[in-house]
Amino acid sequence: MRFACMARAWDTPHARAACAVLALCLAILPGFQAHAQDMPFAPIDENAANLDWLGYKNRLVEALESRNRKIVLGAIDPSVDNGPEQKRGLEEFRRRWDFDDDASPLWDVLRKAVELGGAYVKDAKGGTRFCTPYVAAKWPTSIDPFAFGAIVSADVLVKTEPSSESRTLATLTHEVVKVEDWEVADKTPGFPQKWTRIALKSASGYVPEQQIRSPIEHMACFSAQGGPWRLVSFTAGYLPE
């Protein structure tokens, strides 16, 4: 929001100073904080109305949360793509993800990817796959995926320091931001919250790491061609062929 003192009655040094102070006060009030980036990136879920997909997704998420290995394995294609220069198949998938370990990152990484929604992507053979999260599947090709990330929540508070107690610089909703540091420890020693430092137009600020996502994080692609839905690739940093 712009604030201007246009009348001649304000055209004195003291009045102009008072006007500047008033404008600053308005700028820091809730509701007057300008959005910092002007690069909107709204959530996408092209399967939001697909009941077959939603049933499969819900079963998979529940199985990941409960560490139900039988259901998770049944949701994966036997020749799943595990990434560039990696063997295909369930055996390699299990090895790479320490599948038998309850502390494996798989349970959270795959769940978070699936829950964000996704989009259909063409493969090299002309077919289509449904890939999640939308951040990876629909990342703008004109924006460097290594230097930027996407705010994936609404009304995210950007803090002056890596602490929820610090002052709020701006409020961001579903947009692309430049990232300066992906993981910063909380200002309070031992506190588990991690932060990501981002660049605003005139300063740097911090957002909780769970509210921003990199387009080169793991992307899960699914297909129901010729049968039920299955996870056909789970890779990071590239679009599977």
Foldseek 3Di string as FASTA:
>chain_A
DDDDDDDVVQPDPVSVVVSVVVVVVQCQDPPNPDDFDPFAAAFDAPCPPPPLVVVLLVQCLVCLVVLVVVSVVVQADQQAAEEPPFGGGDVSVCVVQVSVDNPGCVSVQVNLFSVRHFAWDADPVGDIWTKTDNCQRPPDPVDDLVFKKWQSAFQWFWFPAQEPPGGTNHTDGRGMFTWDALWDDHPDPPDPWTWTWTDGPPGITITTNSRIGGSQRWMWIWDQPPHGIHTRYIYGRDDHD
